[in-house]
Amino acid sequence: MIMKKSGVEKKVVHKYKNKGTCENEKTRNGERFLITINILGSSGPIRFVVKMKDVVSGVIESALKYYAREGRIPVLGSDATHFLLYPANAACDALNPLEPIGSYGARNFVLCKKKVFSTKSEPLPKLISTKNNGGWKAWLNRSFSFKTISY
């Protein structure tokens, strides 16, 4: 007795039969790729999979979320507008945050914090120190807590 396959069984068999074809592999693997982002001051790189069409600003946000989820130090924050993404092996400018990450052809990147400039019109010494506690030498001695031990 030969049993006929139901419609669902036929679809499942067809799906698995065509899974390894070259055309399917190209479309599945061509959309996503693994990137490595080194963050300045961090202990090591982070790696995750992105889509070719993901925007650079979205990749930066994903990297910051992934970094925070792992509990890494230093704490960076979550605002992607305060960071720039550079290709690791090229001496070029920062990537445009509105362009797709796949358009650059790179897989290794460096994430850097943007430099923040003060917009205050106060003189520089007032911006550096508001209190006069003995200057930077006193702060350094307090932070290392140098104490003389007498016997």
C-alpha atoms as a PDB file:
ATOM      1  CA  MET A   1       0.000   0.000   0.000  1.00  0.00           C
ATOM      2  CA  ILE A   2       1.523   3.335  -1.067  1.00  0.00           C
ATOM      3  CA  MET A   3       0.563   6.352   1.000  1.00  0.00           C
ATOM      4  CA  LYS A   4       0.221   9.732  -0.607  1.00  0.00           C
ATOM      5  CA  LYS A   5       1.982  12.680   1.012  1.00  0.00           C
ATOM      6  CA  SER A   6      -0.103  15.517   2.307  1.00  0.00           C
ATOM      7  CA  GLY A   7       0.397  19.085   1.123  1.00  0.00           C
ATOM      8  CA  VAL A   8       2.326  20.038   4.273  1.00  0.00           C
ATOM      9  CA  GLU A   9       4.680  17.075   3.906  1.00  0.00           C
ATOM     10  CA  LYS A  10       5.356  17.999   0.285  1.00  0.00           C
ATOM     11  CA  LYS A  11       6.242  21.575   1.268  1.00  0.00           C
ATOM     12  CA  VAL A  12       8.597  20.423   4.025  1.00  0.00           C
ATOM     13  CA  VAL A  13      10.356  17.952   1.718  1.00  0.00           C
ATOM     14  CA  HIS A  14      10.650  20.615  -1.003  1.00  0.00           C
ATOM     15  CA  LYS A  15      12.036  23.131   1.500  1.00  0.00           C
ATOM     16  CA  TYR A  16      14.772  20.793   2.730  1.00  0.00           C
ATOM     17  CA  LYS A  17      15.538  19.487  -0.749  1.00  0.00           C
ATOM     18  CA  ASN A  18      16.380  22.996  -2.043  1.00  0.00           C
ATOM     19  CA  LYS A  19      18.200  24.161   1.096  1.00  0.00           C
ATOM     20  CA  GLY A  20      21.744  23.468  -0.128  1.00  0.00           C
ATOM     21  CA  THR A  21      21.538  24.944  -3.617  1.00  0.00           C
ATOM     22  CA  CYS A  22      24.011  27.620  -4.608  1.00  0.00           C
ATOM     23  CA  GLU A  23      21.340  30.206  -5.325  1.00  0.00           C
ATOM     24  CA  ASN A  24      19.811  29.881  -1.855  1.00  0.00           C
ATOM     25  CA  GLU A  25      23.244  30.001  -0.172  1.00  0.00           C
ATOM     26  CA  LYS A  26      24.157  33.226  -1.952  1.00  0.00           C
ATOM     27  CA  THR A  27      20.983  35.049  -0.954  1.00  0.00           C
ATOM     28  CA  ARG A  28      21.097  33.807   2.632  1.00  0.00           C
ATOM     29  CA  ASN A  29      24.789  34.514   3.270  1.00  0.00           C
ATOM     30  CA  GLY A  30      25.005  37.620   1.085  1.00  0.00           C
ATOM     31  CA  GLU A  31      22.651  39.586   3.296  1.00  0.00           C
ATOM     32  CA  ARG A  32      24.556  39.172   6.557  1.00  0.00           C
ATOM     33  CA  PHE A  33      28.173  39.197   7.643  1.00  0.00           C
ATOM     34  CA  LEU A  34      30.239  39.153  10.822  1.00  0.00           C
ATOM     35  CA  ILE A  35      31.920  42.390  11.887  1.00  0.00           C
ATOM     36  CA  THR A  36      34.548  43.047  14.538  1.00  0.00           C
ATOM     37  CA  ILE A  37      34.545  46.377  16.386  1.00  0.00           C
ATOM     38  CA  ASN A  38      37.464  47.445  18.557  1.00  0.00           C
ATOM     39  CA  ILE A  39      36.497  50.048  21.121  1.00  0.00           C
ATOM     40  CA  LEU A  40      39.227  52.363  22.354  1.00  0.00           C
ATOM     41  CA  GLY A  41      39.992  51.668  26.004  1.00  0.00           C
ATOM     42  CA  SER A  42      38.177  48.326  26.049  1.00  0.00           C
ATOM     43  CA  SER A  43      39.706  44.962  26.871  1.00  0.00           C
ATOM     44  CA  GLY A  44      38.907  43.385  23.533  1.00  0.00           C
ATOM     45  CA  PRO A  45      36.798  43.547  20.390  1.00  0.00           C
ATOM     46  CA  ILE A  46      33.120  42.761  20.093  1.00  0.00           C
ATOM     47  CA  ARG A  47      31.782  40.671  17.247  1.00  0.00           C
ATOM     48  CA  PHE A  48      28.254  40.387  15.935  1.00  0.00           C
ATOM     49  CA  VAL A  49      26.351  39.768  12.738  1.00  0.00           C
ATOM     50  CA  VAL A  50      24.852  42.657  10.759  1.00  0.00           C
ATOM     51  CA  LYS A  51      22.923  42.950   7.522  1.00  0.00           C
ATOM     52  CA  MET A  52      24.542  44.514   4.475  1.00  0.00           C
ATOM     53  CA  LYS A  53      21.853  47.200   4.370  1.00  0.00           C
ATOM     54  CA  ASP A  54      22.125  48.198   8.071  1.00  0.00           C
ATOM     55  CA  VAL A  55      22.929  51.881   8.488  1.00  0.00           C
ATOM     56  CA  VAL A  56      26.212  52.796  10.229  1.00  0.00           C
ATOM     57  CA  SER A  57      24.387  54.669  13.023  1.00  0.00           C
ATOM     58  CA  GLY A  58      22.291  51.556  13.688  1.00  0.00           C
ATOM     59  CA  VAL A  59      25.445  49.435  13.860  1.00  0.00           C
ATOM     60  CA  ILE A  60      26.941  51.876  16.386  1.00  0.00           C
ATOM     61  CA  GLU A  61      23.766  51.650  18.513  1.00  0.00           C
ATOM     62  CA  SER A  62      23.877  47.847  18.345  1.00  0.00           C
ATOM     63  CA  ALA A  63      27.551  47.830  19.333  1.00  0.00           C
ATOM     64  CA  LEU A  64      26.877  50.100  22.333  1.00  0.00           C
ATOM     65  CA  LYS A  65      23.972  47.907  23.480  1.00  0.00           C
ATOM     66  CA  TYR A  66      26.038  44.753  23.089  1.00  0.00           C
ATOM     67  CA  TYR A  67      28.950  46.382  24.951  1.00  0.00           C
ATOM     68  CA  ALA A  68      26.693  47.466  27.834  1.00  0.00           C
ATOM     69  CA  ARG A  69      24.964  44.071  28.000  1.00  0.00           C
ATOM     70  CA  GLU A  70      28.344  42.410  28.526  1.00  0.00           C
ATOM     71  CA  GLY A  71      29.106  44.819  31.388  1.00  0.00           C
ATOM     72  CA  ARG A  72      32.412  45.985  29.962  1.00  0.00           C
ATOM     73  CA  ILE A  73      34.501  48.823  31.325  1.00  0.00           C
ATOM     74  CA  PRO A  74      34.736  51.784  30.686  1.00  0.00           C
ATOM     75  CA  VAL A  75      31.035  52.582  30.580  1.00  0.00           C
ATOM     76  CA  LEU A  76      30.375  54.315  27.274  1.00  0.00           C
ATOM     77  CA  GLY A  77      26.745  55.366  27.361  1.00  0.00           C
ATOM     78  CA  SER A  78      24.059  54.662  24.800  1.00  0.00           C
ATOM     79  CA  ASP A  79      23.926  57.746  22.572  1.00  0.00           C
ATOM     80  CA  ALA A  80      25.240  56.772  19.144  1.00  0.00           C
ATOM     81  CA  THR A  81      25.635  60.412  18.096  1.00  0.00           C
ATOM     82  CA  HIS A  82      28.610  60.745  20.464  1.00  0.00           C
ATOM     83  CA  PHE A  83      30.633  58.088  18.592  1.00  0.00           C
ATOM     84  CA  LEU A  84      32.399  57.664  15.250  1.00  0.00           C
ATOM     85  CA  LEU A  85      33.081  54.394  13.428  1.00  0.00           C
ATOM     86  CA  TYR A  86      36.310  54.030  11.444  1.00  0.00           C
ATOM     87  CA  PRO A  87      37.520  51.157   9.256  1.00  0.00           C
ATOM     88  CA  ALA A  88      40.355  49.442  11.157  1.00  0.00           C
ATOM     89  CA  ASN A  89      42.722  48.781   8.271  1.00  0.00           C
ATOM     90  CA  ALA A  90      42.326  51.992   6.284  1.00  0.00           C
ATOM     91  CA  ALA A  91      43.575  55.472   6.990  1.00  0.00           C
ATOM     92  CA  CYS A  92      40.398  57.288   6.028  1.00  0.00           C
ATOM     93  CA  ASP A  93      37.743  59.449   7.601  1.00  0.00           C
ATOM     94  CA  ALA A  94      34.915  58.262   9.818  1.00  0.00           C
ATOM     95  CA  LEU A  95      32.066  56.411   8.140  1.00  0.00           C
ATOM     96  CA  ASN A  96      28.957  58.345   7.188  1.00  0.00           C
ATOM     97  CA  PRO A  97      26.241  57.433   9.741  1.00  0.00           C
ATOM     98  CA  LEU A  98      23.536  57.420   7.063  1.00  0.00           C
ATOM     99  CA  GLU A  99      25.181  54.978   4.632  1.00  0.00           C
ATOM    100  CA  PRO A 100      24.834  51.175   4.719  1.00  0.00           C
ATOM    101  CA  ILE A 101      27.648  49.331   6.485  1.00  0.00           C
ATOM    102  CA  GLY A 102      28.008  46.892   3.573  1.00  0.00           C
ATOM    103  CA  SER A 103      28.889  49.635   1.094  1.00  0.00           C
ATOM    104  CA  TYR A 104      32.371  50.056   2.609  1.00  0.00           C
ATOM    105  CA  GLY A 105      33.536  46.477   2.074  1.00  0.00           C
ATOM    106  CA  ALA A 106      35.246  46.376   5.475  1.00  0.00           C
ATOM    107  CA  ARG A 107      34.680  43.847   8.252  1.00  0.00           C
ATOM    108  CA  ASN A 108      36.913  45.308  10.985  1.00  0.00           C
ATOM    109  CA  PHE A 109      36.154  48.660  12.583  1.00  0.00           C
ATOM    110  CA  VAL A 110      37.246  50.954  15.419  1.00  0.00           C
ATOM    111  CA  LEU A 111      34.680  52.806  17.539  1.00  0.00           C
ATOM    112  CA  CYS A 112      35.854  56.128  18.994  1.00  0.00           C
ATOM    113  CA  LYS A 113      34.158  58.722  21.139  1.00  0.00           C
ATOM    114  CA  LYS A 114      33.799  62.165  19.562  1.00  0.00           C
ATOM    115  CA  LYS A 115      35.782  64.966  21.155  1.00  0.00           C
ATOM    116  CA  VAL A 116      33.581  67.412  23.028  1.00  0.00           C
ATOM    117  CA  PHE A 117      34.649  71.027  22.988  1.00  0.00           C
ATOM    118  CA  SER A 118      33.534  73.467  25.633  1.00  0.00           C
ATOM    119  CA  THR A 119      31.359  76.320  24.400  1.00  0.00           C
ATOM    120  CA  LYS A 120      31.856  78.375  27.535  1.00  0.00           C
ATOM    121  CA  SER A 121      33.642  81.684  27.144  1.00  0.00           C
ATOM    122  CA  GLU A 122      35.378  81.433  30.526  1.00  0.00           C
ATOM    123  CA  PRO A 123      39.152  81.450  30.641  1.00  0.00           C
ATOM    124  CA  LEU A 124      40.855  78.042  30.583  1.00  0.00           C
ATOM    125  CA  PRO A 125      42.102  77.983  34.219  1.00  0.00           C
ATOM    126  CA  LYS A 126      38.554  78.490  35.503  1.00  0.00           C
ATOM    127  CA  LEU A 127      37.297  75.597  33.374  1.00  0.00           C
ATOM    128  CA  ILE A 128      39.982  73.240  34.654  1.00  0.00           C
ATOM    129  CA  SER A 129      39.751  73.924  38.353  1.00  0.00           C
ATOM    130  CA  THR A 130      36.877  75.562  40.182  1.00  0.00           C
ATOM    131  CA  LYS A 131      38.368  74.950  43.629  1.00  0.00           C
ATOM    132  CA  ASN A 132      41.936  75.557  44.664  1.00  0.00           C
ATOM    133  CA  ASN A 133      42.839  72.518  46.784  1.00  0.00           C
ATOM    134  CA  GLY A 134      46.566  72.572  46.210  1.00  0.00           C
ATOM    135  CA  GLY A 135      46.610  71.765  42.506  1.00  0.00           C
ATOM    136  CA  TRP A 136      47.182  68.620  40.553  1.00  0.00           C
ATOM    137  CA  LYS A 137      50.123  67.447  42.701  1.00  0.00           C
ATOM    138  CA  ALA A 138      47.946  67.372  45.796  1.00  0.00           C
ATOM    139  CA  TRP A 139      45.247  65.503  43.895  1.00  0.00           C
ATOM    140  CA  LEU A 140      47.790  62.971  42.655  1.00  0.00           C
ATOM    141  CA  ASN A 141      49.147  62.412  46.169  1.00  0.00           C
ATOM    142  CA  ARG A 142      45.616  61.997  47.550  1.00  0.00           C
ATOM    143  CA  SER A 143      44.602  59.585  44.796  1.00  0.00           C
ATOM    144  CA  PHE A 144      47.614  57.343  45.352  1.00  0.00           C
ATOM    145  CA  SER A 145      47.401  57.952  49.122  1.00  0.00           C
ATOM    146  CA  PHE A 146      51.114  58.216  49.663  1.00  0.00           C
ATOM    147  CA  LYS A 147      51.751  57.903  53.357  1.00  0.00           C
ATOM    148  CA  THR A 148      55.043  57.812  55.156  1.00  0.00           C
ATOM    149  CA  ILE A 149      55.375  54.965  57.573  1.00  0.00           C
ATOM    150  CA  SER A 150      57.653  55.521  60.556  1.00  0.00           C
ATOM    151  CA  TYR A 151      59.079  52.631  62.541  1.00  0.00           C
END
